[in-house]
Amino acid sequence: MEKMLLKMARQLNAMDEASLMSLWDAYMARTQSFDGSREWEESAIVLSLIQAVRGKNQLLNAYLDLINNPEKAVPPRQPAEHPLFAGEDPRPRRAAVHQFRPLKK
């Protein structure tokens, strides 16, 4: 299974983000019309894969920017300084739910 996932990752990584994003609206519309079918499940996976490639590219660009501009680097915080651990309450804060949507053009 791992070999298959790595092969899929290599194939996705070889694709152009702009081409993938051109499919975003169609797959978002398909997943918003829930019917529980196999086609709906596959559309949800395709949408997730498109989002994964976009997220990977954003992370890659952020790291490349830090490498090329080290003065922008922010030193990592110690756990006690991290917002999730700050204050009297040791419980993590609730996460926000973000909507999927393409970037504004």
PDB file of N, CA and C in Angstrom:
ATOM      1  N   MET A   1       0.826  -1.184   0.000  1.00  0.00           N
ATOM      2  CA  MET A   1       0.000   0.000   0.000  1.00  0.00           C
ATOM      3  C   MET A   1       0.878   1.259   0.000  1.00  0.00           C
ATOM      4  N   GLU A   2       1.954   1.231   0.795  1.00  0.00           N
ATOM      5  CA  GLU A   2       2.824   2.400   0.854  1.00  0.00           C
ATOM      6  C   GLU A   2       3.427   2.708  -0.513  1.00  0.00           C
ATOM      7  N   LYS A   3       3.824   1.664  -1.252  1.00  0.00           N
ATOM      8  CA  LYS A   3       4.396   1.874  -2.589  1.00  0.00           C
ATOM      9  C   LYS A   3       3.383   2.531  -3.516  1.00  0.00           C
ATOM     10  N   MET A   4       2.125   2.097  -3.409  1.00  0.00           N
ATOM     11  CA  MET A   4       1.083   2.682  -4.241  1.00  0.00           C
ATOM     12  C   MET A   4       0.874   4.158  -3.886  1.00  0.00           C
ATOM     13  N   LEU A   5       0.861   4.470  -2.580  1.00  0.00           N
ATOM     14  CA  LEU A   5       0.679   5.862  -2.160  1.00  0.00           C
ATOM     15  C   LEU A   5       1.844   6.733  -2.611  1.00  0.00           C
ATOM     16  N   LEU A   6       3.068   6.217  -2.515  1.00  0.00           N
ATOM     17  CA  LEU A   6       4.225   6.985  -2.969  1.00  0.00           C
ATOM     18  C   LEU A   6       4.182   7.204  -4.479  1.00  0.00           C
ATOM     19  N   LYS A   7       3.723   6.203  -5.215  1.00  0.00           N
ATOM     20  CA  LYS A   7       3.589   6.357  -6.672  1.00  0.00           C
ATOM     21  C   LYS A   7       2.556   7.437  -6.988  1.00  0.00           C
ATOM     22  N   MET A   8       1.438   7.414  -6.270  1.00  0.00           N
ATOM     23  CA  MET A   8       0.420   8.448  -6.466  1.00  0.00           C
ATOM     24  C   MET A   8       0.977   9.828  -6.130  1.00  0.00           C
ATOM     25  N   ALA A   9       1.760   9.915  -5.053  1.00  0.00           N
ATOM     26  CA  ALA A   9       2.357  11.201  -4.661  1.00  0.00           C
ATOM     27  C   ALA A   9       3.302  11.702  -5.743  1.00  0.00           C
ATOM     28  N   ARG A  10       4.112  10.804  -6.317  1.00  0.00           N
ATOM     29  CA  ARG A  10       5.025  11.220  -7.393  1.00  0.00           C
ATOM     30  C   ARG A  10       4.247  11.719  -8.603  1.00  0.00           C
ATOM     31  N   GLN A  11       3.171  11.017  -8.936  1.00  0.00           N
ATOM     32  CA  GLN A  11       2.369  11.431 -10.092  1.00  0.00           C
ATOM     33  C   GLN A  11       1.698  12.778  -9.840  1.00  0.00           C
ATOM     34  N   LEU A  12       1.143  12.979  -8.659  1.00  0.00           N
ATOM     35  CA  LEU A  12       0.521  14.263  -8.336  1.00  0.00           C
ATOM     36  C   LEU A  12       1.540  15.390  -8.310  1.00  0.00           C
ATOM     37  N   ASN A  13       2.716  15.103  -7.770  1.00  0.00           N
ATOM     38  CA  ASN A  13       3.758  16.114  -7.669  1.00  0.00           C
ATOM     39  C   ASN A  13       4.242  16.561  -9.047  1.00  0.00           C
ATOM     40  N   ALA A  14       4.091  15.695 -10.044  1.00  0.00           N
ATOM     41  CA  ALA A  14       4.519  16.035 -11.403  1.00  0.00           C
ATOM     42  C   ALA A  14       3.495  16.908 -12.130  1.00  0.00           C
ATOM     43  N   MET A  15       2.301  17.036 -11.553  1.00  0.00           N
ATOM     44  CA  MET A  15       1.243  17.807 -12.215  1.00  0.00           C
ATOM     45  C   MET A  15       1.364  19.286 -11.894  1.00  0.00           C
ATOM     46  N   ASP A  16       0.880  20.084 -12.812  1.00  0.00           N
ATOM     47  CA  ASP A  16       0.885  21.528 -12.676  1.00  0.00           C
ATOM     48  C   ASP A  16      -0.240  21.954 -11.733  1.00  0.00           C
ATOM     49  N   GLU A  17       0.097  22.761 -10.721  1.00  0.00           N
ATOM     50  CA  GLU A  17      -0.914  23.200  -9.751  1.00  0.00           C
ATOM     51  C   GLU A  17      -2.053  23.958 -10.429  1.00  0.00           C
ATOM     52  N   ALA A  18      -1.734  24.784 -11.396  1.00  0.00           N
ATOM     53  CA  ALA A  18      -2.779  25.563 -12.077  1.00  0.00           C
ATOM     54  C   ALA A  18      -3.769  24.639 -12.787  1.00  0.00           C
ATOM     55  N   SER A  19      -3.273  23.575 -13.392  1.00  0.00           N
ATOM     56  CA  SER A  19      -4.160  22.616 -14.057  1.00  0.00           C
ATOM     57  C   SER A  19      -5.045  21.915 -13.044  1.00  0.00           C
ATOM     58  N   LEU A  20      -4.463  21.534 -11.914  1.00  0.00           N
ATOM     59  CA  LEU A  20      -5.256  20.902 -10.864  1.00  0.00           C
ATOM     60  C   LEU A  20      -6.304  21.860 -10.328  1.00  0.00           C
ATOM     61  N   MET A  21      -5.920  23.110 -10.094  1.00  0.00           N
ATOM     62  CA  MET A  21      -6.857  24.091  -9.546  1.00  0.00           C
ATOM     63  C   MET A  21      -7.997  24.394 -10.519  1.00  0.00           C
ATOM     64  N   SER A  22      -7.766  24.181 -11.814  1.00  0.00           N
ATOM     65  CA  SER A  22      -8.855  24.399 -12.781  1.00  0.00           C
ATOM     66  C   SER A  22      -9.977  23.377 -12.579  1.00  0.00           C
ATOM     67  N   LEU A  23      -9.687  22.275 -11.908  1.00  0.00           N
ATOM     68  CA  LEU A  23     -10.686  21.242 -11.613  1.00  0.00           C
ATOM     69  C   LEU A  23     -11.377  21.464 -10.269  1.00  0.00           C
ATOM     70  N   TRP A  24     -10.858  22.396  -9.472  1.00  0.00           N
ATOM     71  CA  TRP A  24     -11.317  22.588  -8.105  1.00  0.00           C
ATOM     72  C   TRP A  24     -12.819  22.857  -8.007  1.00  0.00           C
ATOM     73  N   ASP A  25     -13.315  23.801  -8.791  1.00  0.00           N
ATOM     74  CA  ASP A  25     -14.731  24.169  -8.724  1.00  0.00           C
ATOM     75  C   ASP A  25     -15.645  22.982  -9.025  1.00  0.00           C
ATOM     76  N   ALA A  26     -15.284  22.200 -10.041  1.00  0.00           N
ATOM     77  CA  ALA A  26     -16.121  21.061 -10.418  1.00  0.00           C
ATOM     78  C   ALA A  26     -16.180  20.030  -9.290  1.00  0.00           C
ATOM     79  N   TYR A  27     -15.048  19.734  -8.689  1.00  0.00           N
ATOM     80  CA  TYR A  27     -15.037  18.728  -7.626  1.00  0.00           C
ATOM     81  C   TYR A  27     -15.643  19.265  -6.328  1.00  0.00           C
ATOM     82  N   MET A  28     -15.523  20.549  -6.093  1.00  0.00           N
ATOM     83  CA  MET A  28     -16.173  21.128  -4.934  1.00  0.00           C
ATOM     84  C   MET A  28     -17.683  21.028  -5.096  1.00  0.00           C
ATOM     85  N   ALA A  29     -18.187  21.328  -6.285  1.00  0.00           N
ATOM     86  CA  ALA A  29     -19.628  21.239  -6.546  1.00  0.00           C
ATOM     87  C   ALA A  29     -20.112  19.799  -6.390  1.00  0.00           C
ATOM     88  N   ARG A  30     -19.323  18.851  -6.869  1.00  0.00           N
ATOM     89  CA  ARG A  30     -19.730  17.448  -6.749  1.00  0.00           C
ATOM     90  C   ARG A  30     -19.793  17.004  -5.294  1.00  0.00           C
ATOM     91  N   THR A  31     -18.851  17.464  -4.487  1.00  0.00           N
ATOM     92  CA  THR A  31     -18.853  17.031  -3.084  1.00  0.00           C
ATOM     93  C   THR A  31     -19.914  17.756  -2.262  1.00  0.00           C
ATOM     94  N   GLN A  32     -20.344  18.924  -2.705  1.00  0.00           N
ATOM     95  CA  GLN A  32     -21.398  19.635  -1.986  1.00  0.00           C
ATOM     96  C   GLN A  32     -22.757  18.988  -2.193  1.00  0.00           C
ATOM     97  N   SER A  33     -22.900  18.234  -3.264  1.00  0.00           N
ATOM     98  CA  SER A  33     -24.149  17.515  -3.536  1.00  0.00           C
ATOM     99  C   SER A  33     -24.007  16.087  -3.018  1.00  0.00           C
ATOM    100  N   PHE A  34     -24.104  15.930  -1.710  1.00  0.00           N
ATOM    101  CA  PHE A  34     -23.887  14.622  -1.086  1.00  0.00           C
ATOM    102  C   PHE A  34     -24.973  13.632  -1.468  1.00  0.00           C
ATOM    103  N   ASP A  35     -24.524  12.465  -1.918  1.00  0.00           N
ATOM    104  CA  ASP A  35     -25.469  11.374  -2.165  1.00  0.00           C
ATOM    105  C   ASP A  35     -24.950  10.038  -1.637  1.00  0.00           C
ATOM    106  N   GLY A  36     -23.754  10.031  -1.075  1.00  0.00           N
ATOM    107  CA  GLY A  36     -23.216   8.818  -0.474  1.00  0.00           C
ATOM    108  C   GLY A  36     -22.765   7.761  -1.462  1.00  0.00           C
ATOM    109  N   SER A  37     -22.738   8.093  -2.739  1.00  0.00           N
ATOM    110  CA  SER A  37     -22.341   7.126  -3.765  1.00  0.00           C
ATOM    111  C   SER A  37     -20.821   6.985  -3.832  1.00  0.00           C
ATOM    112  N   ARG A  38     -20.388   5.964  -4.539  1.00  0.00           N
ATOM    113  CA  ARG A  38     -18.953   5.763  -4.770  1.00  0.00           C
ATOM    114  C   ARG A  38     -18.383   6.961  -5.531  1.00  0.00           C
ATOM    115  N   GLU A  39     -19.163   7.494  -6.476  1.00  0.00           N
ATOM    116  CA  GLU A  39     -18.701   8.660  -7.243  1.00  0.00           C
ATOM    117  C   GLU A  39     -18.497   9.867  -6.331  1.00  0.00           C
ATOM    118  N   TRP A  40     -19.409  10.055  -5.358  1.00  0.00           N
ATOM    119  CA  TRP A  40     -19.247  11.158  -4.410  1.00  0.00           C
ATOM    120  C   TRP A  40     -17.977  10.960  -3.594  1.00  0.00           C
ATOM    121  N   GLU A  41     -17.740   9.742  -3.110  1.00  0.00           N
ATOM    122  CA  GLU A  41     -16.532   9.455  -2.334  1.00  0.00           C
ATOM    123  C   GLU A  41     -15.280   9.737  -3.143  1.00  0.00           C
ATOM    124  N   GLU A  42     -15.266   9.313  -4.403  1.00  0.00           N
ATOM    125  CA  GLU A  42     -14.099   9.553  -5.258  1.00  0.00           C
ATOM    126  C   GLU A  42     -13.910  11.046  -5.512  1.00  0.00           C
ATOM    127  N   SER A  43     -15.000  11.777  -5.691  1.00  0.00           N
ATOM    128  CA  SER A  43     -14.902  13.228  -5.883  1.00  0.00           C
ATOM    129  C   SER A  43     -14.323  13.906  -4.644  1.00  0.00           C
ATOM    130  N   ALA A  44     -14.725  13.446  -3.462  1.00  0.00           N
ATOM    131  CA  ALA A  44     -14.185  14.008  -2.219  1.00  0.00           C
ATOM    132  C   ALA A  44     -12.690  13.731  -2.111  1.00  0.00           C
ATOM    133  N   ILE A  45     -12.253  12.558  -2.533  1.00  0.00           N
ATOM    134  CA  ILE A  45     -10.821  12.227  -2.499  1.00  0.00           C
ATOM    135  C   ILE A  45     -10.066  13.092  -3.501  1.00  0.00           C
ATOM    136  N   VAL A  46     -10.619  13.269  -4.705  1.00  0.00           N
ATOM    137  CA  VAL A  46      -9.962  14.113  -5.710  1.00  0.00           C
ATOM    138  C   VAL A  46      -9.825  15.541  -5.190  1.00  0.00           C
ATOM    139  N   LEU A  47     -10.898  16.078  -4.594  1.00  0.00           N
ATOM    140  CA  LEU A  47     -10.839  17.426  -4.030  1.00  0.00           C
ATOM    141  C   LEU A  47      -9.746  17.501  -2.959  1.00  0.00           C
ATOM    142  N   SER A  48      -9.662  16.488  -2.118  1.00  0.00           N
ATOM    143  CA  SER A  48      -8.632  16.457  -1.071  1.00  0.00           C
ATOM    144  C   SER A  48      -7.234  16.400  -1.661  1.00  0.00           C
ATOM    145  N   LEU A  49      -7.066  15.657  -2.740  1.00  0.00           N
ATOM    146  CA  LEU A  49      -5.756  15.574  -3.385  1.00  0.00           C
ATOM    147  C   LEU A  49      -5.359  16.913  -3.997  1.00  0.00           C
ATOM    148  N   ILE A  50      -6.320  17.586  -4.610  1.00  0.00           N
ATOM    149  CA  ILE A  50      -6.041  18.921  -5.163  1.00  0.00           C
ATOM    150  C   ILE A  50      -5.614  19.864  -4.038  1.00  0.00           C
ATOM    151  N   GLN A  51      -6.344  19.826  -2.920  1.00  0.00           N
ATOM    152  CA  GLN A  51      -6.000  20.663  -1.769  1.00  0.00           C
ATOM    153  C   GLN A  51      -4.621  20.287  -1.214  1.00  0.00           C
ATOM    154  N   ALA A  52      -4.304  18.995  -1.208  1.00  0.00           N
ATOM    155  CA  ALA A  52      -3.010  18.540  -0.686  1.00  0.00           C
ATOM    156  C   ALA A  52      -1.856  19.093  -1.521  1.00  0.00           C
ATOM    157  N   VAL A  53      -2.003  19.066  -2.841  1.00  0.00           N
ATOM    158  CA  VAL A  53      -0.948  19.601  -3.714  1.00  0.00           C
ATOM    159  C   VAL A  53      -0.797  21.097  -3.476  1.00  0.00           C
ATOM    160  N   ARG A  54      -1.913  21.797  -3.346  1.00  0.00           N
ATOM    161  CA  ARG A  54      -1.866  23.244  -3.083  1.00  0.00           C
ATOM    162  C   ARG A  54      -1.181  23.532  -1.752  1.00  0.00           C
ATOM    163  N   GLY A  55      -1.549  22.773  -0.727  1.00  0.00           N
ATOM    164  CA  GLY A  55      -0.927  22.955   0.585  1.00  0.00           C
ATOM    165  C   GLY A  55       0.558  22.659   0.562  1.00  0.00           C
ATOM    166  N   LYS A  56       0.938  21.599  -0.131  1.00  0.00           N
ATOM    167  CA  LYS A  56       2.359  21.250  -0.246  1.00  0.00           C
ATOM    168  C   LYS A  56       3.124  22.377  -0.930  1.00  0.00           C
ATOM    169  N   ASN A  57       2.552  22.937  -1.997  1.00  0.00           N
ATOM    170  CA  ASN A  57       3.233  24.017  -2.714  1.00  0.00           C
ATOM    171  C   ASN A  57       3.358  25.271  -1.853  1.00  0.00           C
ATOM    172  N   GLN A  58       2.333  25.571  -1.064  1.00  0.00           N
ATOM    173  CA  GLN A  58       2.419  26.728  -0.178  1.00  0.00           C
ATOM    174  C   GLN A  58       3.493  26.523   0.887  1.00  0.00           C
ATOM    175  N   LEU A  59       3.555  25.318   1.442  1.00  0.00           N
ATOM    176  CA  LEU A  59       4.576  25.012   2.440  1.00  0.00           C
ATOM    177  C   LEU A  59       5.967  25.065   1.821  1.00  0.00           C
ATOM    178  N   LEU A  60       6.116  24.482   0.635  1.00  0.00           N
ATOM    179  CA  LEU A  60       7.395  24.510  -0.071  1.00  0.00           C
ATOM    180  C   LEU A  60       7.842  25.946  -0.332  1.00  0.00           C
ATOM    181  N   ASN A  61       6.920  26.777  -0.806  1.00  0.00           N
ATOM    182  CA  ASN A  61       7.260  28.176  -1.083  1.00  0.00           C
ATOM    183  C   ASN A  61       7.654  28.918   0.187  1.00  0.00           C
ATOM    184  N   ALA A  62       6.978  28.636   1.289  1.00  0.00           N
ATOM    185  CA  ALA A  62       7.318  29.291   2.555  1.00  0.00           C
ATOM    186  C   ALA A  62       8.725  28.898   3.003  1.00  0.00           C
ATOM    187  N   TYR A  63       9.061  27.621   2.891  1.00  0.00           N
ATOM    188  CA  TYR A  63      10.410  27.181   3.279  1.00  0.00           C
ATOM    189  C   TYR A  63      11.471  27.750   2.351  1.00  0.00           C
ATOM    190  N   LEU A  64      11.198  27.775   1.055  1.00  0.00           N
ATOM    191  CA  LEU A  64      12.167  28.350   0.114  1.00  0.00           C
ATOM    192  C   LEU A  64      12.373  29.833   0.393  1.00  0.00           C
ATOM    193  N   ASP A  65      11.289  30.515   0.757  1.00  0.00           N
ATOM    194  CA  ASP A  65      11.397  31.933   1.101  1.00  0.00           C
ATOM    195  C   ASP A  65      12.284  32.114   2.330  1.00  0.00           C
ATOM    196  N   LEU A  66      12.126  31.240   3.328  1.00  0.00           N
ATOM    197  CA  LEU A  66      12.966  31.333   4.525  1.00  0.00           C
ATOM    198  C   LEU A  66      14.424  31.040   4.216  1.00  0.00           C
ATOM    199  N   ILE A  67      14.674  30.085   3.325  1.00  0.00           N
ATOM    200  CA  ILE A  67      16.048  29.768   2.945  1.00  0.00           C
ATOM    201  C   ILE A  67      16.677  30.948   2.225  1.00  0.00           C
ATOM    202  N   ASN A  68      15.913  31.573   1.338  1.00  0.00           N
ATOM    203  CA  ASN A  68      16.436  32.705   0.556  1.00  0.00           C
ATOM    204  C   ASN A  68      16.456  34.010   1.332  1.00  0.00           C
ATOM    205  N   ASN A  69      15.679  34.099   2.412  1.00  0.00           N
ATOM    206  CA  ASN A  69      15.601  35.312   3.223  1.00  0.00           C
ATOM    207  C   ASN A  69      15.683  34.932   4.700  1.00  0.00           C
ATOM    208  N   PRO A  70      16.843  34.491   5.178  1.00  0.00           N
ATOM    209  CA  PRO A  70      16.943  34.010   6.557  1.00  0.00           C
ATOM    210  C   PRO A  70      16.605  35.064   7.608  1.00  0.00           C
ATOM    211  N   GLU A  71      16.667  36.332   7.242  1.00  0.00           N
ATOM    212  CA  GLU A  71      16.329  37.385   8.212  1.00  0.00           C
ATOM    213  C   GLU A  71      14.851  37.342   8.592  1.00  0.00           C
ATOM    214  N   LYS A  72      14.024  36.672   7.781  1.00  0.00           N
ATOM    215  CA  LYS A  72      12.599  36.538   8.078  1.00  0.00           C
ATOM    216  C   LYS A  72      12.324  35.410   9.070  1.00  0.00           C
ATOM    217  N   ALA A  73      13.310  34.571   9.326  1.00  0.00           N
ATOM    218  CA  ALA A  73      13.085  33.402  10.182  1.00  0.00           C
ATOM    219  C   ALA A  73      12.702  33.824  11.589  1.00  0.00           C
ATOM    220  N   VAL A  74      11.740  33.125  12.138  1.00  0.00           N
ATOM    221  CA  VAL A  74      11.280  33.366  13.502  1.00  0.00           C
ATOM    222  C   VAL A  74      11.749  32.189  14.343  1.00  0.00           C
ATOM    223  N   PRO A  75      12.450  32.443  15.448  1.00  0.00           N
ATOM    224  CA  PRO A  75      12.905  31.320  16.258  1.00  0.00           C
ATOM    225  C   PRO A  75      11.723  30.533  16.812  1.00  0.00           C
ATOM    226  N   PRO A  76      11.846  29.205  16.899  1.00  0.00           N
ATOM    227  CA  PRO A  76      10.737  28.413  17.434  1.00  0.00           C
ATOM    228  C   PRO A  76      10.474  28.758  18.888  1.00  0.00           C
ATOM    229  N   ARG A  77       9.196  28.695  19.274  1.00  0.00           N
ATOM    230  CA  ARG A  77       8.817  28.997  20.651  1.00  0.00           C
ATOM    231  C   ARG A  77       8.924  27.746  21.514  1.00  0.00           C
ATOM    232  N   GLN A  78       9.204  27.963  22.766  1.00  0.00           N
ATOM    233  CA  GLN A  78       9.195  26.876  23.732  1.00  0.00           C
ATOM    234  C   GLN A  78       7.745  26.529  24.040  1.00  0.00           C
ATOM    235  N   PRO A  79       7.468  25.271  24.425  1.00  0.00           N
ATOM    236  CA  PRO A  79       6.072  24.897  24.693  1.00  0.00           C
ATOM    237  C   PRO A  79       5.354  25.840  25.652  1.00  0.00           C
ATOM    238  N   ALA A  80       6.032  26.331  26.659  1.00  0.00           N
ATOM    239  CA  ALA A  80       5.380  27.226  27.632  1.00  0.00           C
ATOM    240  C   ALA A  80       4.989  28.556  26.983  1.00  0.00           C
ATOM    241  N   GLU A  81       5.672  28.944  25.906  1.00  0.00           N
ATOM    242  CA  GLU A  81       5.373  30.204  25.229  1.00  0.00           C
ATOM    243  C   GLU A  81       4.322  30.037  24.138  1.00  0.00           C
ATOM    244  N   HIS A  82       4.052  28.796  23.769  1.00  0.00           N
ATOM    245  CA  HIS A  82       3.120  28.542  22.680  1.00  0.00           C
ATOM    246  C   HIS A  82       1.702  28.893  23.122  1.00  0.00           C
ATOM    247  N   PRO A  83       0.906  29.530  22.233  1.00  0.00           N
ATOM    248  CA  PRO A  83      -0.452  29.941  22.618  1.00  0.00           C
ATOM    249  C   PRO A  83      -1.324  28.797  23.123  1.00  0.00           C
ATOM    250  N   LEU A  84      -1.116  27.592  22.634  1.00  0.00           N
ATOM    251  CA  LEU A  84      -1.928  26.468  23.103  1.00  0.00           C
ATOM    252  C   LEU A  84      -1.633  26.104  24.555  1.00  0.00           C
ATOM    253  N   PHE A  85      -0.432  26.438  25.028  1.00  0.00           N
ATOM    254  CA  PHE A  85      -0.027  26.063  26.372  1.00  0.00           C
ATOM    255  C   PHE A  85       0.033  27.242  27.328  1.00  0.00           C
ATOM    256  N   ALA A  86      -0.228  28.431  26.842  1.00  0.00           N
ATOM    257  CA  ALA A  86      -0.123  29.627  27.677  1.00  0.00           C
ATOM    258  C   ALA A  86      -1.311  29.738  28.624  1.00  0.00           C
ATOM    259  N   GLY A  87      -1.100  30.358  29.756  1.00  0.00           N
ATOM    260  CA  GLY A  87      -2.181  30.597  30.699  1.00  0.00           C
ATOM    261  C   GLY A  87      -2.380  29.453  31.668  1.00  0.00           C
ATOM    262  N   GLU A  88      -3.458  29.566  32.428  1.00  0.00           N
ATOM    263  CA  GLU A  88      -3.749  28.593  33.481  1.00  0.00           C
ATOM    264  C   GLU A  88      -4.350  27.304  32.941  1.00  0.00           C
ATOM    265  N   ASP A  89      -5.112  27.382  31.862  1.00  0.00           N
ATOM    266  CA  ASP A  89      -5.838  26.218  31.350  1.00  0.00           C
ATOM    267  C   ASP A  89      -4.919  25.401  30.446  1.00  0.00           C
ATOM    268  N   PRO A  90      -4.541  24.162  30.838  1.00  0.00           N
ATOM    269  CA  PRO A  90      -3.625  23.365  30.024  1.00  0.00           C
ATOM    270  C   PRO A  90      -4.299  22.697  28.828  1.00  0.00           C
ATOM    271  N   ARG A  91      -5.624  22.791  28.740  1.00  0.00           N
ATOM    272  CA  ARG A  91      -6.317  22.147  27.621  1.00  0.00           C
ATOM    273  C   ARG A  91      -6.088  22.932  26.331  1.00  0.00           C
ATOM    274  N   PRO A  92      -5.912  22.227  25.212  1.00  0.00           N
ATOM    275  CA  PRO A  92      -5.744  22.940  23.934  1.00  0.00           C
ATOM    276  C   PRO A  92      -7.018  23.685  23.573  1.00  0.00           C
ATOM    277  N   ARG A  93      -6.843  24.778  22.882  1.00  0.00           N
ATOM    278  CA  ARG A  93      -7.982  25.557  22.408  1.00  0.00           C
ATOM    279  C   ARG A  93      -8.640  24.840  21.240  1.00  0.00           C
ATOM    280  N   ARG A  94      -9.885  25.142  21.017  1.00  0.00           N
ATOM    281  CA  ARG A  94     -10.606  24.531  19.907  1.00  0.00           C
ATOM    282  C   ARG A  94     -10.078  25.058  18.584  1.00  0.00           C
ATOM    283  N   ALA A  95     -10.021  24.190  17.612  1.00  0.00           N
ATOM    284  CA  ALA A  95      -9.554  24.564  16.283  1.00  0.00           C
ATOM    285  C   ALA A  95     -10.690  25.189  15.484  1.00  0.00           C
ATOM    286  N   ALA A  96     -10.336  26.069  14.590  1.00  0.00           N
ATOM    287  CA  ALA A  96     -11.313  26.673  13.698  1.00  0.00           C
ATOM    288  C   ALA A  96     -11.521  25.767  12.497  1.00  0.00           C
ATOM    289  N   VAL A  97     -12.718  25.741  11.978  1.00  0.00           N
ATOM    290  CA  VAL A  97     -13.017  24.976  10.773  1.00  0.00           C
ATOM    291  C   VAL A  97     -12.990  25.945   9.606  1.00  0.00           C
ATOM    292  N   HIS A  98     -12.148  25.658   8.626  1.00  0.00           N
ATOM    293  CA  HIS A  98     -11.996  26.527   7.474  1.00  0.00           C
ATOM    294  C   HIS A  98     -12.738  25.933   6.282  1.00  0.00           C
ATOM    295  N   GLN A  99     -13.373  26.781   5.508  1.00  0.00           N
ATOM    296  CA  GLN A  99     -14.070  26.329   4.309  1.00  0.00           C
ATOM    297  C   GLN A  99     -13.076  26.151   3.180  1.00  0.00           C
ATOM    298  N   PHE A 100     -13.313  25.123   2.352  1.00  0.00           N
ATOM    299  CA  PHE A 100     -12.527  24.971   1.134  1.00  0.00           C
ATOM    300  C   PHE A 100     -12.995  26.010   0.136  1.00  0.00           C
ATOM    301  N   ARG A 101     -12.062  26.723  -0.437  1.00  0.00           N
ATOM    302  CA  ARG A 101     -12.396  27.627  -1.524  1.00  0.00           C
ATOM    303  C   ARG A 101     -11.100  28.020  -2.232  1.00  0.00           C
ATOM    304  N   PRO A 102     -11.168  28.235  -3.541  1.00  0.00           N
ATOM    305  CA  PRO A 102      -9.963  28.609  -4.267  1.00  0.00           C
ATOM    306  C   PRO A 102      -9.569  30.053  -3.945  1.00  0.00           C
ATOM    307  N   LEU A 103      -8.346  30.399  -4.281  1.00  0.00           N
ATOM    308  CA  LEU A 103      -7.889  31.769  -4.079  1.00  0.00           C
ATOM    309  C   LEU A 103      -8.671  32.702  -4.999  1.00  0.00           C
ATOM    310  N   LYS A 104      -8.870  33.921  -4.518  1.00  0.00           N
ATOM    311  CA  LYS A 104      -9.525  34.929  -5.364  1.00  0.00           C
ATOM    312  C   LYS A 104      -8.577  35.302  -6.483  1.00  0.00           C
ATOM    313  N   LYS A 105      -9.116  35.422  -7.660  1.00  0.00           N
ATOM    314  CA  LYS A 105      -8.283  35.731  -8.845  1.00  0.00           C
ATOM    315  C   LYS A 105      -8.221  37.191  -9.112  1.00  0.00           C
TER     316      LYS A 105
END
